[in-house]
N, C-alpha and C. Protein backbone atom coordinates (compact mmCIF):
# COMPACT_ATOMS: atom_id res chain seq x y z
N UNK A 1 0.85 -22.70 36.47
CA UNK A 1 -0.21 -21.77 36.75
C UNK A 1 -0.29 -20.70 35.66
N UNK A 2 0.83 -20.17 35.30
CA UNK A 2 0.84 -19.11 34.29
C UNK A 2 0.36 -19.63 32.95
N UNK A 3 0.75 -20.84 32.58
CA UNK A 3 0.34 -21.43 31.32
C UNK A 3 -1.17 -21.62 31.27
N UNK A 4 -1.79 -22.02 32.37
CA UNK A 4 -3.23 -22.20 32.43
C UNK A 4 -3.96 -20.89 32.17
N UNK A 5 -3.46 -19.79 32.69
CA UNK A 5 -4.08 -18.48 32.48
C UNK A 5 -3.99 -18.04 31.03
N UNK A 6 -2.89 -18.35 30.37
CA UNK A 6 -2.72 -18.00 28.96
C UNK A 6 -3.71 -18.79 28.11
N UNK A 7 -3.89 -20.06 28.41
CA UNK A 7 -4.85 -20.89 27.67
C UNK A 7 -6.27 -20.37 27.83
N UNK A 8 -6.61 -19.94 29.04
CA UNK A 8 -7.95 -19.41 29.26
C UNK A 8 -8.17 -18.14 28.46
N UNK A 9 -7.17 -17.30 28.36
CA UNK A 9 -7.31 -16.07 27.58
C UNK A 9 -7.47 -16.39 26.10
N UNK A 10 -6.75 -17.38 25.62
CA UNK A 10 -6.84 -17.74 24.21
C UNK A 10 -8.23 -18.27 23.88
N UNK A 11 -8.86 -18.98 24.80
CA UNK A 11 -10.20 -19.52 24.57
C UNK A 11 -11.24 -18.43 24.72
N UNK A 12 -11.05 -17.50 25.63
CA UNK A 12 -12.06 -16.49 25.91
C UNK A 12 -12.21 -15.50 24.76
N UNK A 13 -11.16 -15.15 24.07
CA UNK A 13 -11.25 -14.16 23.01
C UNK A 13 -12.11 -14.61 21.83
N UNK A 14 -11.91 -15.82 21.27
CA UNK A 14 -12.80 -16.23 20.18
C UNK A 14 -14.26 -16.32 20.63
N UNK A 15 -14.50 -16.76 21.85
CA UNK A 15 -15.87 -16.85 22.34
C UNK A 15 -16.49 -15.46 22.42
N UNK A 16 -15.70 -14.47 22.86
CA UNK A 16 -16.22 -13.10 22.95
C UNK A 16 -16.57 -12.58 21.57
N UNK A 17 -15.78 -12.91 20.56
CA UNK A 17 -16.08 -12.46 19.21
C UNK A 17 -17.37 -13.09 18.71
N UNK A 18 -17.55 -14.38 18.97
CA UNK A 18 -18.76 -15.07 18.54
C UNK A 18 -19.98 -14.46 19.20
N UNK A 19 -19.89 -14.21 20.49
CA UNK A 19 -21.02 -13.62 21.20
C UNK A 19 -21.32 -12.24 20.65
N UNK A 20 -20.31 -11.46 20.37
CA UNK A 20 -20.50 -10.13 19.81
C UNK A 20 -21.14 -10.18 18.44
N UNK A 21 -20.73 -11.15 17.63
CA UNK A 21 -21.30 -11.29 16.30
C UNK A 21 -22.76 -11.68 16.37
N UNK A 22 -23.12 -12.55 17.31
CA UNK A 22 -24.50 -12.97 17.44
C UNK A 22 -25.39 -11.80 17.84
N UNK A 23 -24.92 -11.00 18.79
CA UNK A 23 -25.73 -9.87 19.22
C UNK A 23 -25.82 -8.84 18.11
N UNK A 24 -24.78 -8.74 17.29
CA UNK A 24 -24.80 -7.81 16.17
C UNK A 24 -25.83 -8.23 15.13
N UNK A 25 -25.88 -9.53 14.80
CA UNK A 25 -26.84 -9.99 13.80
C UNK A 25 -28.26 -9.90 14.32
N UNK A 26 -28.48 -10.15 15.62
CA UNK A 26 -29.83 -10.04 16.16
C UNK A 26 -30.26 -8.58 16.20
N UNK A 27 -29.34 -7.67 16.45
CA UNK A 27 -29.71 -6.26 16.44
C UNK A 27 -29.99 -5.79 15.02
N UNK A 28 -29.30 -6.37 14.02
CA UNK A 28 -29.58 -6.02 12.63
C UNK A 28 -30.96 -6.48 12.23
N UNK A 29 -31.37 -7.68 12.66
CA UNK A 29 -32.71 -8.15 12.32
C UNK A 29 -33.76 -7.30 13.01
N UNK A 30 -33.48 -6.81 14.21
CA UNK A 30 -34.42 -5.93 14.90
C UNK A 30 -34.57 -4.62 14.14
N UNK A 31 -33.47 -4.12 13.58
CA UNK A 31 -33.53 -2.89 12.80
C UNK A 31 -34.35 -3.10 11.54
N UNK A 32 -34.15 -4.23 10.88
CA UNK A 32 -34.90 -4.53 9.67
C UNK A 32 -36.38 -4.62 10.00
N UNK A 33 -36.73 -5.30 11.07
CA UNK A 33 -38.13 -5.45 11.46
C UNK A 33 -38.74 -4.11 11.85
N UNK A 34 -37.96 -3.21 12.43
CA UNK A 34 -38.51 -1.94 12.88
C UNK A 34 -38.59 -0.90 11.77
N UNK A 35 -38.11 -1.20 10.58
CA UNK A 35 -38.14 -0.24 9.49
C UNK A 35 -39.41 -0.34 8.67
N UNK A 36 -40.53 -0.56 9.32
CA UNK A 36 -41.80 -0.54 8.64
C UNK A 36 -42.33 -1.89 8.21
N UNK A 37 -41.71 -2.97 8.64
CA UNK A 37 -42.21 -4.29 8.31
C UNK A 37 -43.42 -4.56 9.19
N UNK A 38 -44.52 -4.89 8.56
CA UNK A 38 -45.74 -5.14 9.31
C UNK A 38 -46.13 -6.60 9.21
N UNK A 39 -47.10 -6.98 9.99
CA UNK A 39 -47.62 -8.35 9.91
C UNK A 39 -48.18 -8.62 8.53
N UNK A 40 -48.78 -7.61 7.92
CA UNK A 40 -49.32 -7.77 6.57
C UNK A 40 -48.20 -8.07 5.58
N UNK A 41 -47.07 -7.40 5.72
CA UNK A 41 -45.91 -7.66 4.86
C UNK A 41 -45.42 -9.09 5.04
N UNK A 42 -45.36 -9.54 6.28
CA UNK A 42 -44.90 -10.90 6.55
C UNK A 42 -45.89 -11.92 6.00
N UNK A 43 -47.17 -11.66 6.11
CA UNK A 43 -48.17 -12.57 5.55
C UNK A 43 -48.04 -12.67 4.03
N UNK A 44 -47.79 -11.54 3.37
CA UNK A 44 -47.60 -11.55 1.92
C UNK A 44 -46.35 -12.35 1.54
N UNK A 45 -45.30 -12.19 2.31
CA UNK A 45 -44.07 -12.95 2.06
C UNK A 45 -44.32 -14.44 2.22
N UNK A 46 -45.04 -14.81 3.26
CA UNK A 46 -45.34 -16.23 3.48
C UNK A 46 -46.18 -16.80 2.34
N UNK A 47 -47.17 -16.03 1.89
CA UNK A 47 -48.01 -16.49 0.78
C UNK A 47 -47.17 -16.69 -0.48
N UNK A 48 -46.26 -15.77 -0.74
CA UNK A 48 -45.39 -15.87 -1.91
C UNK A 48 -44.50 -17.11 -1.82
N UNK A 49 -43.95 -17.35 -0.64
CA UNK A 49 -43.10 -18.53 -0.46
C UNK A 49 -43.90 -19.81 -0.63
N UNK A 50 -45.13 -19.85 -0.11
CA UNK A 50 -45.97 -21.03 -0.28
C UNK A 50 -46.28 -21.28 -1.75
N UNK A 51 -46.57 -20.20 -2.48
CA UNK A 51 -46.90 -20.34 -3.91
C UNK A 51 -45.69 -20.85 -4.69
N UNK A 52 -44.52 -20.32 -4.38
CA UNK A 52 -43.30 -20.78 -5.07
C UNK A 52 -42.98 -22.23 -4.73
N UNK A 53 -43.22 -22.62 -3.48
CA UNK A 53 -42.99 -24.01 -3.08
C UNK A 53 -43.94 -24.93 -3.83
N UNK A 54 -45.20 -24.53 -3.92
CA UNK A 54 -46.19 -25.35 -4.63
C UNK A 54 -45.83 -25.46 -6.11
N UNK A 55 -45.37 -24.37 -6.69
CA UNK A 55 -44.97 -24.38 -8.10
C UNK A 55 -43.79 -25.34 -8.30
N UNK A 56 -42.82 -25.29 -7.41
CA UNK A 56 -41.65 -26.15 -7.50
C UNK A 56 -42.04 -27.63 -7.37
N UNK A 57 -42.93 -27.92 -6.45
CA UNK A 57 -43.40 -29.30 -6.30
C UNK A 57 -44.14 -29.74 -7.54
N UNK A 58 -45.00 -28.87 -8.07
CA UNK A 58 -45.76 -29.20 -9.27
C UNK A 58 -44.88 -29.48 -10.47
N UNK A 59 -43.78 -28.75 -10.59
CA UNK A 59 -42.87 -28.95 -11.70
C UNK A 59 -42.07 -30.24 -11.58
N UNK A 60 -41.86 -30.70 -10.37
CA UNK A 60 -40.99 -31.86 -10.15
C UNK A 60 -41.72 -33.13 -9.73
N UNK A 61 -43.03 -33.06 -9.59
CA UNK A 61 -43.81 -34.23 -9.18
C UNK A 61 -44.75 -34.60 -10.32
N UNK A 62 -44.37 -35.62 -11.09
CA UNK A 62 -45.22 -36.00 -12.22
C UNK A 62 -46.51 -36.67 -11.73
N UNK A 63 -47.64 -36.01 -11.98
CA UNK A 63 -48.94 -36.53 -11.58
C UNK A 63 -49.87 -36.56 -12.78
N UNK A 64 -50.67 -37.60 -12.84
CA UNK A 64 -51.71 -37.60 -13.86
C UNK A 64 -52.80 -36.64 -13.41
N UNK A 65 -53.76 -36.35 -14.27
CA UNK A 65 -54.84 -35.43 -13.91
C UNK A 65 -55.64 -35.97 -12.73
N UNK A 66 -55.91 -37.25 -12.73
CA UNK A 66 -56.67 -37.86 -11.63
C UNK A 66 -55.89 -37.78 -10.31
N UNK A 67 -54.59 -38.02 -10.38
CA UNK A 67 -53.75 -37.95 -9.18
C UNK A 67 -53.66 -36.52 -8.66
N UNK A 68 -53.53 -35.58 -9.58
CA UNK A 68 -53.43 -34.17 -9.20
C UNK A 68 -54.71 -33.69 -8.52
N UNK A 69 -55.87 -34.16 -9.02
CA UNK A 69 -57.14 -33.77 -8.41
C UNK A 69 -57.24 -34.25 -6.96
N UNK A 70 -56.62 -35.36 -6.65
CA UNK A 70 -56.64 -35.88 -5.29
C UNK A 70 -55.52 -35.26 -4.43
N UNK A 71 -54.35 -35.06 -5.04
CA UNK A 71 -53.19 -34.62 -4.29
C UNK A 71 -53.26 -33.16 -3.83
N UNK A 72 -53.54 -32.23 -4.74
CA UNK A 72 -53.44 -30.81 -4.41
C UNK A 72 -54.37 -30.34 -3.31
N UNK A 73 -55.62 -30.79 -3.25
CA UNK A 73 -56.44 -30.37 -2.10
C UNK A 73 -55.88 -30.86 -0.76
N UNK A 74 -55.36 -32.07 -0.74
CA UNK A 74 -54.74 -32.58 0.49
C UNK A 74 -53.48 -31.80 0.83
N UNK A 75 -52.69 -31.52 -0.16
CA UNK A 75 -51.46 -30.75 0.05
C UNK A 75 -51.79 -29.38 0.65
N UNK A 76 -52.75 -28.71 0.06
CA UNK A 76 -53.13 -27.37 0.54
C UNK A 76 -53.68 -27.43 1.96
N UNK A 77 -54.48 -28.46 2.26
CA UNK A 77 -55.06 -28.57 3.60
C UNK A 77 -53.96 -28.73 4.65
N UNK A 78 -52.98 -29.57 4.37
CA UNK A 78 -51.95 -29.85 5.37
C UNK A 78 -50.85 -28.80 5.42
N UNK A 79 -50.67 -28.03 4.38
CA UNK A 79 -49.65 -26.98 4.45
C UNK A 79 -50.19 -25.69 5.04
N UNK A 80 -51.49 -25.54 5.12
CA UNK A 80 -52.06 -24.32 5.69
C UNK A 80 -52.32 -24.42 7.19
N UNK A 81 -52.03 -25.58 7.77
CA UNK A 81 -52.26 -25.76 9.20
C UNK A 81 -51.28 -24.93 9.99
């Protein structure tokens, strides 16, 4: 009986630390969001990420001019959904 109680304590402590760390990180993200981050800021960030992603794809996807004329409009249509 005593051994079972010791094992439970050993398991409970790491779990408590993990739970505490998760709540700490979520409270940090809440603080970051509440420090003046607006929807407009988030939209600008998303646009920047989309542009960088498109640039990366363009650099690594060899397309002829004819292929690019067909590909990029389709890419933009499906990534903006």
